[in-house]
Amino acid sequence: PIGLFGKGTEIVNPEDIYIDQKDQVYIADSGTQTVTKFDE
């Protein structure tokens, strides 16, 4: 383990994660009722 991803951002109840070919990360969060897109 090397650390936490997206530390300091609003992540409450992450339900699902997807990483595309550009290593961009998508988080489905039922706590915030949103999907958040992150860079690598």
All heavy atoms as atom14 arrays in JSON, in Angstrom:
{
  "sequence": "PIGLFGKGTEIVNPEDIYIDQKDQVYIADSGTQTVTKFDE",
  "atom14_mask": [
    [1, 1, 1, 1, 1, 1, 1, 0, 0, 0, 0, 0, 0, 0],
    [1, 1, 1, 1, 1, 1, 1, 1, 0, 0, 0, 0, 0, 0],
    [1, 1, 1, 1, 0, 0, 0, 0, 0, 0, 0, 0, 0, 0],
    [1, 1, 1, 1, 1, 1, 1, 1, 0, 0, 0, 0, 0, 0],
    [1, 1, 1, 1, 1, 1, 1, 1, 1, 1, 1, 0, 0, 0],
    [1, 1, 1, 1, 0, 0, 0, 0, 0, 0, 0, 0, 0, 0],
    [1, 1, 1, 1, 1, 1, 1, 1, 1, 0, 0, 0, 0, 0],
    [1, 1, 1, 1, 0, 0, 0, 0, 0, 0, 0, 0, 0, 0],
    [1, 1, 1, 1, 1, 1, 1, 0, 0, 0, 0, 0, 0, 0],
    [1, 1, 1, 1, 1, 1, 1, 1, 1, 0, 0, 0, 0, 0],
    [1, 1, 1, 1, 1, 1, 1, 1, 0, 0, 0, 0, 0, 0],
    [1, 1, 1, 1, 1, 1, 1, 0, 0, 0, 0, 0, 0, 0],
    [1, 1, 1, 1, 1, 1, 1, 1, 0, 0, 0, 0, 0, 0],
    [1, 1, 1, 1, 1, 1, 1, 0, 0, 0, 0, 0, 0, 0],
    [1, 1, 1, 1, 1, 1, 1, 1, 1, 0, 0, 0, 0, 0],
    [1, 1, 1, 1, 1, 1, 1, 1, 0, 0, 0, 0, 0, 0],
    [1, 1, 1, 1, 1, 1, 1, 1, 0, 0, 0, 0, 0, 0],
    [1, 1, 1, 1, 1, 1, 1, 1, 1, 1, 1, 1, 0, 0],
    [1, 1, 1, 1, 1, 1, 1, 1, 0, 0, 0, 0, 0, 0],
    [1, 1, 1, 1, 1, 1, 1, 1, 0, 0, 0, 0, 0, 0],
    [1, 1, 1, 1, 1, 1, 1, 1, 1, 0, 0, 0, 0, 0],
    [1, 1, 1, 1, 1, 1, 1, 1, 1, 0, 0, 0, 0, 0],
    [1, 1, 1, 1, 1, 1, 1, 1, 0, 0, 0, 0, 0, 0],
    [1, 1, 1, 1, 1, 1, 1, 1, 1, 0, 0, 0, 0, 0],
    [1, 1, 1, 1, 1, 1, 1, 0, 0, 0, 0, 0, 0, 0],
    [1, 1, 1, 1, 1, 1, 1, 1, 1, 1, 1, 1, 0, 0],
    [1, 1, 1, 1, 1, 1, 1, 1, 0, 0, 0, 0, 0, 0],
    [1, 1, 1, 1, 1, 0, 0, 0, 0, 0, 0, 0, 0, 0],
    [1, 1, 1, 1, 1, 1, 1, 1, 0, 0, 0, 0, 0, 0],
    [1, 1, 1, 1, 1, 1, 0, 0, 0, 0, 0, 0, 0, 0],
    [1, 1, 1, 1, 0, 0, 0, 0, 0, 0, 0, 0, 0, 0],
    [1, 1, 1, 1, 1, 1, 1, 0, 0, 0, 0, 0, 0, 0],
    [1, 1, 1, 1, 1, 1, 1, 1, 1, 0, 0, 0, 0, 0],
    [1, 1, 1, 1, 1, 1, 1, 0, 0, 0, 0, 0, 0, 0],
    [1, 1, 1, 1, 1, 1, 1, 0, 0, 0, 0, 0, 0, 0],
    [1, 1, 1, 1, 1, 1, 1, 0, 0, 0, 0, 0, 0, 0],
    [1, 1, 1, 1, 1, 1, 1, 1, 1, 0, 0, 0, 0, 0],
    [1, 1, 1, 1, 1, 1, 1, 1, 1, 1, 1, 0, 0, 0],
    [1, 1, 1, 1, 1, 1, 1, 1, 0, 0, 0, 0, 0, 0],
    [1, 1, 1, 1, 1, 1, 1, 1, 1, 0, 0, 0, 0, 0]
  ],
  "atom14_positions": [
    [[0.84, -1.2, 0.0], [0.0, 0.0, 0.0], [0.88, 1.25, 0.0], [1.82, 1.36, 0.78], [-0.8, -0.14, 1.29], [0.04, -1.01, 2.17], [0.8, -1.93, 1.28], [0.0, 0.0, 0.0], [0.0, 0.0, 0.0], [0.0, 0.0, 0.0], [0.0, 0.0, 0.0], [0.0, 0.0, 0.0], [0.0, 0.0, 0.0], [0.0, 0.0, 0.0]],
    [[0.57, 2.2, -0.88], [1.41, 3.4, -1.0], [0.68, 4.68, -0.62], [1.28, 5.75, -0.63], [1.99, 3.53, -2.42], [0.86, 3.63, -3.46], [2.9, 2.36, -2.74], [1.35, 3.91, -4.87], [0.0, 0.0, 0.0], [0.0, 0.0, 0.0], [0.0, 0.0, 0.0], [0.0, 0.0, 0.0], [0.0, 0.0, 0.0], [0.0, 0.0, 0.0]],
    [[-0.61, 4.6, -0.31], [-1.3, 5.81, 0.11], [-2.76, 5.82, -0.28], [-3.3, 4.83, -0.79], [0.0, 0.0, 0.0], [0.0, 0.0, 0.0], [0.0, 0.0, 0.0], [0.0, 0.0, 0.0], [0.0, 0.0, 0.0], [0.0, 0.0, 0.0], [0.0, 0.0, 0.0], [0.0, 0.0, 0.0], [0.0, 0.0, 0.0], [0.0, 0.0, 0.0]],
    [[-3.4, 6.96, -0.04], [-4.81, 7.16, -0.36], [-4.93, 8.01, -1.61], [-4.19, 8.98, -1.8], [-5.54, 7.84, 0.8], [-5.53, 7.09, 2.14], [-6.25, 7.92, 3.21], [-6.18, 5.72, 2.01], [0.0, 0.0, 0.0], [0.0, 0.0, 0.0], [0.0, 0.0, 0.0], [0.0, 0.0, 0.0], [0.0, 0.0, 0.0], [0.0, 0.0, 0.0]],
    [[-5.87, 7.65, -2.45], [-6.12, 8.42, -3.68], [-7.15, 9.5, -3.4], [-8.15, 9.27, -2.71], [-6.64, 7.48, -4.77], [-6.93, 8.18, -6.07], [-5.9, 8.51, -6.94], [-8.23, 8.53, -6.4], [-6.16, 9.16, -8.13], [-8.51, 9.18, -7.59], [-7.47, 9.49, -8.46], [0.0, 0.0, 0.0], [0.0, 0.0, 0.0], [0.0, 0.0, 0.0]],
    [[-6.92, 10.67, -3.96], [-7.87, 11.78, -3.81], [-7.99, 12.28, -2.39], [-9.05, 12.75, -1.97], [0.0, 0.0, 0.0], [0.0, 0.0, 0.0], [0.0, 0.0, 0.0], [0.0, 0.0, 0.0], [0.0, 0.0, 0.0], [0.0, 0.0, 0.0], [0.0, 0.0, 0.0], [0.0, 0.0, 0.0], [0.0, 0.0, 0.0], [0.0, 0.0, 0.0]],
    [[-6.9, 12.16, -1.65], [-6.93, 12.58, -0.25], [-7.21, 14.08, -0.17], [-6.63, 14.88, -0.88], [-5.59, 12.26, 0.41], [-5.59, 12.4, 1.91], [-4.27, 11.92, 2.5], [-4.28, 12.01, 4.02], [-3.0, 11.54, 4.6], [0.0, 0.0, 0.0], [0.0, 0.0, 0.0], [0.0, 0.0, 0.0], [0.0, 0.0, 0.0], [0.0, 0.0, 0.0]],
    [[-8.12, 14.44, 0.72], [-8.48, 15.85, 0.87], [-9.7, 16.25, 0.07], [-10.23, 17.34, 0.24], [0.0, 0.0, 0.0], [0.0, 0.0, 0.0], [0.0, 0.0, 0.0], [0.0, 0.0, 0.0], [0.0, 0.0, 0.0], [0.0, 0.0, 0.0], [0.0, 0.0, 0.0], [0.0, 0.0, 0.0], [0.0, 0.0, 0.0], [0.0, 0.0, 0.0]],
    [[-10.16, 15.35, -0.83], [-11.38, 15.64, -1.6], [-12.58, 15.02, -0.89], [-12.44, 14.22, 0.04], [-11.27, 15.07, -3.02], [-11.1, 13.65, -2.94], [-10.08, 15.68, -3.75], [0.0, 0.0, 0.0], [0.0, 0.0, 0.0], [0.0, 0.0, 0.0], [0.0, 0.0, 0.0], [0.0, 0.0, 0.0], [0.0, 0.0, 0.0], [0.0, 0.0, 0.0]],
    [[-13.75, 15.39, -1.35], [-14.99, 14.93, -0.71], [-15.37, 13.55, -1.25], [-15.95, 13.42, -2.33], [-16.13, 15.91, -0.95], [-17.4, 15.54, -0.18], [-18.57, 16.46, -0.5], [-18.47, 17.22, -1.48], [-19.57, 16.41, 0.21], [0.0, 0.0, 0.0], [0.0, 0.0, 0.0], [0.0, 0.0, 0.0], [0.0, 0.0, 0.0], [0.0, 0.0, 0.0]],
    [[-15.01, 12.51, -0.51], [-15.41, 11.14, -0.82], [-16.08, 10.59, 0.43], [-15.45, 10.5, 1.49], [-14.21, 10.27, -1.21], [-13.49, 10.85, -2.44], [-14.66, 8.84, -1.48], [-12.23, 10.11, -2.81], [0.0, 0.0, 0.0], [0.0, 0.0, 0.0], [0.0, 0.0, 0.0], [0.0, 0.0, 0.0], [0.0, 0.0, 0.0], [0.0, 0.0, 0.0]],
    [[-17.36, 10.23, 0.34], [-18.12, 9.81, 1.51], [-18.34, 8.3, 1.52], [-17.85, 7.59, 2.4], [-19.48, 10.55, 1.58], [-20.25, 10.12, 2.82], [-19.26, 12.06, 1.58], [0.0, 0.0, 0.0], [0.0, 0.0, 0.0], [0.0, 0.0, 0.0], [0.0, 0.0, 0.0], [0.0, 0.0, 0.0], [0.0, 0.0, 0.0], [0.0, 0.0, 0.0]],
    [[-19.07, 7.78, 0.52], [-19.35, 6.34, 0.42], [-19.07, 5.86, -1.01], [-20.0, 5.68, -1.8], [-20.8, 6.02, 0.79], [-21.16, 6.42, 2.21], [-22.07, 7.22, 2.43], [-20.45, 5.88, 3.18], [0.0, 0.0, 0.0], [0.0, 0.0, 0.0], [0.0, 0.0, 0.0], [0.0, 0.0, 0.0], [0.0, 0.0, 0.0], [0.0, 0.0, 0.0]],
    [[-17.81, 5.65, -1.34], [-17.5, 5.21, -2.71], [-18.05, 3.81, -2.96], [-17.79, 2.88, -2.2], [-15.98, 5.23, -2.75], [-15.55, 5.07, -1.32], [-16.6, 5.77, -0.5], [0.0, 0.0, 0.0], [0.0, 0.0, 0.0], [0.0, 0.0, 0.0], [0.0, 0.0, 0.0], [0.0, 0.0, 0.0], [0.0, 0.0, 0.0], [0.0, 0.0, 0.0]],
    [[-18.83, 3.69, -4.03], [-19.48, 2.42, -4.36], [-18.79, 1.69, -5.51], [-18.76, 0.47, -5.55], [-20.95, 2.65, -4.74], [-21.79, 3.29, -3.66], [-22.14, 2.34, -2.52], [-21.84, 1.14, -2.66], [-22.7, 2.79, -1.51], [0.0, 0.0, 0.0], [0.0, 0.0, 0.0], [0.0, 0.0, 0.0], [0.0, 0.0, 0.0], [0.0, 0.0, 0.0]],
    [[-18.26, 2.46, -6.47], [-17.67, 1.85, -7.65], [-16.57, 2.75, -8.18], [-16.59, 3.97, -7.98], [-18.75, 1.64, -8.73], [-18.29, 0.67, -9.81], [-17.37, -0.12, -9.54], [-18.85, 0.7, -10.93], [0.0, 0.0, 0.0], [0.0, 0.0, 0.0], [0.0, 0.0, 0.0], [0.0, 0.0, 0.0], [0.0, 0.0, 0.0], [0.0, 0.0, 0.0]],
    [[-15.59, 2.13, -8.85], [-14.46, 2.87, -9.4], [-14.19, 2.36, -10.8], [-14.3, 1.16, -11.07], [-13.22, 2.75, -8.5], [-12.05, 3.57, -9.08], [-12.81, 1.3, -8.3], [-10.86, 3.66, -8.15], [0.0, 0.0, 0.0], [0.0, 0.0, 0.0], [0.0, 0.0, 0.0], [0.0, 0.0, 0.0], [0.0, 0.0, 0.0], [0.0, 0.0, 0.0]],
    [[-13.85, 3.29, -11.7], [-13.46, 2.91, -13.06], [-12.3, 3.79, -13.49], [-12.27, 5.0, -13.2], [-14.63, 3.09, -14.05], [-14.23, 2.74, -15.46], [-14.12, 1.41, -15.85], [-13.93, 3.74, -16.4], [-13.72, 1.07, -17.13], [-13.54, 3.41, -17.68], [-13.43, 2.07, -18.05], [-13.03, 1.74, -19.3], [0.0, 0.0, 0.0], [0.0, 0.0, 0.0]],
    [[-11.31, 3.18, -14.17], [-10.14, 3.9, -14.66], [-10.08, 3.73, -16.17], [-10.09, 2.6, -16.67], [-8.84, 3.37, -14.0], [-8.92, 3.52, -12.48], [-7.62, 4.11, -14.55], [-7.73, 2.94, -11.74], [0.0, 0.0, 0.0], [0.0, 0.0, 0.0], [0.0, 0.0, 0.0], [0.0, 0.0, 0.0], [0.0, 0.0, 0.0], [0.0, 0.0, 0.0]],
    [[-10.04, 4.86, -16.91], [-10.03, 4.79, -18.37], [-8.6, 4.65, -18.9], [-7.64, 4.54, -18.15], [-10.75, 5.99, -18.97], [-10.05, 7.33, -18.66], [-8.86, 7.3, -18.28], [-10.68, 8.39, -18.81], [0.0, 0.0, 0.0], [0.0, 0.0, 0.0], [0.0, 0.0, 0.0], [0.0, 0.0, 0.0], [0.0, 0.0, 0.0], [0.0, 0.0, 0.0]],
    [[-8.47, 4.67, -20.23], [-7.18, 4.48, -20.86], [-6.19, 5.61, -20.57], [-4.98, 5.43, -20.72], [-7.36, 4.34, -22.38], [-8.1, 3.08, -22.8], [-7.37, 1.81, -22.4], [-6.16, 1.72, -22.53], [-8.11, 0.82, -21.89], [0.0, 0.0, 0.0], [0.0, 0.0, 0.0], [0.0, 0.0, 0.0], [0.0, 0.0, 0.0], [0.0, 0.0, 0.0]],
    [[-6.69, 6.76, -20.17], [-5.83, 7.89, -19.83], [-5.49, 7.91, -18.34], [-4.92, 8.88, -17.85], [-6.51, 9.2, -20.21], [-6.84, 9.32, -21.7], [-7.6, 10.61, -21.98], [-7.99, 10.71, -23.45], [-8.8, 11.94, -23.72], [0.0, 0.0, 0.0], [0.0, 0.0, 0.0], [0.0, 0.0, 0.0], [0.0, 0.0, 0.0], [0.0, 0.0, 0.0]],
    [[-5.85, 6.84, -17.64], [-5.66, 6.74, -16.19], [-6.44, 7.8, -15.43], [-6.07, 8.19, -14.32], [-4.18, 6.8, -15.81], [-3.49, 5.45, -15.98], [-4.2, 4.43, -15.96], [-2.26, 5.43, -16.15], [0.0, 0.0, 0.0], [0.0, 0.0, 0.0], [0.0, 0.0, 0.0], [0.0, 0.0, 0.0], [0.0, 0.0, 0.0], [0.0, 0.0, 0.0]],
    [[-7.54, 8.26, -16.03], [-8.47, 9.13, -15.31], [-9.42, 8.25, -14.5], [-9.89, 7.22, -14.98], [-9.24, 10.02, -16.29], [-8.35, 10.98, -17.04], [-9.11, 11.82, -18.05], [-8.92, 13.03, -18.14], [-9.97, 11.2, -18.82], [0.0, 0.0, 0.0], [0.0, 0.0, 0.0], [0.0, 0.0, 0.0], [0.0, 0.0, 0.0], [0.0, 0.0, 0.0]],
    [[-9.68, 8.67, -13.28], [-10.41, 7.84, -12.32], [-11.81, 8.39, -12.1], [-11.98, 9.6, -11.87], [-9.65, 7.76, -10.98], [-10.39, 6.88, -9.99], [-8.23, 7.23, -11.21], [0.0, 0.0, 0.0], [0.0, 0.0, 0.0], [0.0, 0.0, 0.0], [0.0, 0.0, 0.0], [0.0, 0.0, 0.0], [0.0, 0.0, 0.0], [0.0, 0.0, 0.0]],
    [[-12.81, 7.5, -12.15], [-14.2, 7.87, -11.94], [-14.7, 7.14, -10.7], [-14.55, 5.92, -10.59], [-15.06, 7.49, -13.15], [-14.64, 8.15, -14.43], [-13.55, 7.67, -15.16], [-15.33, 9.25, -14.94], [-13.16, 8.27, -16.35], [-14.94, 9.85, -16.14], [-13.85, 9.35, -16.82], [-13.47, 9.96, -18.0], [0.0, 0.0, 0.0], [0.0, 0.0, 0.0]],
    [[-15.3, 7.9, -9.77], [-15.8, 7.33, -8.52], [-17.3, 7.59, -8.42], [-17.75, 8.74, -8.47], [-15.11, 7.95, -7.3], [-13.59, 7.78, -7.39], [-15.65, 7.33, -6.01], [-13.12, 6.36, -7.29], [0.0, 0.0, 0.0], [0.0, 0.0, 0.0], [0.0, 0.0, 0.0], [0.0, 0.0, 0.0], [0.0, 0.0, 0.0], [0.0, 0.0, 0.0]],
    [[-18.08, 6.49, -8.29], [-19.51, 6.61, -8.01], [-19.67, 6.63, -6.49], [-19.3, 5.68, -5.82], [-20.28, 5.46, -8.63], [0.0, 0.0, 0.0], [0.0, 0.0, 0.0], [0.0, 0.0, 0.0], [0.0, 0.0, 0.0], [0.0, 0.0, 0.0], [0.0, 0.0, 0.0], [0.0, 0.0, 0.0], [0.0, 0.0, 0.0], [0.0, 0.0, 0.0]],
    [[-20.23, 7.71, -5.97], [-20.31, 7.93, -4.52], [-21.77, 8.09, -4.13], [-22.43, 9.08, -4.48], [-19.52, 9.18, -4.15], [-19.32, 9.32, -2.64], [-20.17, 8.82, -1.9], [-18.32, 9.92, -2.23], [0.0, 0.0, 0.0], [0.0, 0.0, 0.0], [0.0, 0.0, 0.0], [0.0, 0.0, 0.0], [0.0, 0.0, 0.0], [0.0, 0.0, 0.0]],
    [[-22.3, 7.1, -3.39], [-23.7, 7.19, -2.96], [-23.88, 8.19, -1.83], [-24.99, 8.66, -1.58], [-24.19, 5.81, -2.51], [-23.44, 5.34, -1.4], [0.0, 0.0, 0.0], [0.0, 0.0, 0.0], [0.0, 0.0, 0.0], [0.0, 0.0, 0.0], [0.0, 0.0, 0.0], [0.0, 0.0, 0.0], [0.0, 0.0, 0.0], [0.0, 0.0, 0.0]],
    [[-22.78, 8.51, -1.16], [-22.86, 9.49, -0.07], [-23.07, 10.9, -0.59], [-23.9, 11.66, -0.07], [0.0, 0.0, 0.0], [0.0, 0.0, 0.0], [0.0, 0.0, 0.0], [0.0, 0.0, 0.0], [0.0, 0.0, 0.0], [0.0, 0.0, 0.0], [0.0, 0.0, 0.0], [0.0, 0.0, 0.0], [0.0, 0.0, 0.0], [0.0, 0.0, 0.0]],
    [[-22.31, 11.28, -1.63], [-22.46, 12.62, -2.22], [-23.49, 12.63, -3.34], [-23.81, 13.69, -3.89], [-21.12, 13.11, -2.77], [-20.68, 12.21, -3.8], [-20.07, 13.16, -1.67], [0.0, 0.0, 0.0], [0.0, 0.0, 0.0], [0.0, 0.0, 0.0], [0.0, 0.0, 0.0], [0.0, 0.0, 0.0], [0.0, 0.0, 0.0], [0.0, 0.0, 0.0]],
    [[-23.97, 11.44, -3.75], [-24.93, 11.27, -4.83], [-24.41, 11.87, -6.14], [-25.15, 12.46, -6.92], [-26.29, 11.91, -4.46], [-26.94, 11.26, -3.25], [-28.25, 11.92, -2.88], [-28.35, 13.15, -2.82], [-29.27, 11.11, -2.61], [0.0, 0.0, 0.0], [0.0, 0.0, 0.0], [0.0, 0.0, 0.0], [0.0, 0.0, 0.0], [0.0, 0.0, 0.0]],
    [[-23.12, 11.66, -6.38], [-22.49, 12.15, -7.6], [-21.48, 11.13, -8.09], [-21.13, 10.18, -7.4], [-21.75, 13.48, -7.36], [-20.72, 13.27, -6.39], [-22.69, 14.58, -6.9], [0.0, 0.0, 0.0], [0.0, 0.0, 0.0], [0.0, 0.0, 0.0], [0.0, 0.0, 0.0], [0.0, 0.0, 0.0], [0.0, 0.0, 0.0], [0.0, 0.0, 0.0]],
    [[-20.99, 11.37, -9.3], [-19.82, 10.68, -9.84], [-18.74, 11.72, -10.04], [-18.96, 12.76, -10.66], [-20.15, 9.98, -11.18], [-18.86, 9.5, -11.86], [-21.08, 8.8, -10.96], [0.0, 0.0, 0.0], [0.0, 0.0, 0.0], [0.0, 0.0, 0.0], [0.0, 0.0, 0.0], [0.0, 0.0, 0.0], [0.0, 0.0, 0.0], [0.0, 0.0, 0.0]],
    [[-17.56, 11.45, -9.49], [-16.45, 12.4, -9.56], [-15.37, 11.85, -10.45], [-14.99, 10.68, -10.36], [-15.87, 12.67, -8.16], [-16.93, 13.07, -7.28], [-14.82, 13.77, -8.21], [0.0, 0.0, 0.0], [0.0, 0.0, 0.0], [0.0, 0.0, 0.0], [0.0, 0.0, 0.0], [0.0, 0.0, 0.0], [0.0, 0.0, 0.0], [0.0, 0.0, 0.0]],
    [[-14.86, 12.74, -11.32], [-13.78, 12.38, -12.23], [-12.48, 13.02, -11.74], [-12.43, 14.22, -11.47], [-14.1, 12.85, -13.65], [-13.03, 12.61, -14.69], [-13.48, 13.17, -16.03], [-12.43, 13.03, -17.1], [-12.89, 13.61, -18.4], [0.0, 0.0, 0.0], [0.0, 0.0, 0.0], [0.0, 0.0, 0.0], [0.0, 0.0, 0.0], [0.0, 0.0, 0.0]],
    [[-11.42, 12.19, -11.59], [-10.12, 12.65, -11.11], [-9.07, 12.43, -12.19], [-9.22, 11.55, -13.05], [-9.68, 11.86, -9.86], [-10.59, 11.98, -8.68], [-11.71, 11.16, -8.54], [-10.32, 12.89, -7.67], [-12.53, 11.25, -7.44], [-11.14, 12.99, -6.55], [-12.26, 12.17, -6.44], [0.0, 0.0, 0.0], [0.0, 0.0, 0.0], [0.0, 0.0, 0.0]],
    [[-8.0, 13.23, -12.12], [-6.84, 12.89, -12.93], [-6.02, 11.85, -12.18], [-6.36, 11.46, -11.05], [-6.01, 14.13, -13.29], [-5.4, 14.82, -12.06], [-5.35, 14.2, -10.98], [-4.99, 15.98, -12.19], [0.0, 0.0, 0.0], [0.0, 0.0, 0.0], [0.0, 0.0, 0.0], [0.0, 0.0, 0.0], [0.0, 0.0, 0.0], [0.0, 0.0, 0.0]],
    [[-4.91, 11.38, -12.76], [-4.15, 10.29, -12.15], [-3.48, 10.7, -10.84], [-3.06, 9.83, -10.05], [-3.1, 9.77, -13.12], [-2.11, 10.81, -13.59], [-1.14, 10.24, -14.61], [-0.79, 9.04, -14.48], [-0.73, 10.96, -15.52], [0.0, 0.0, 0.0], [0.0, 0.0, 0.0], [0.0, 0.0, 0.0], [0.0, 0.0, 0.0], [0.0, 0.0, 0.0]]
  ]
}
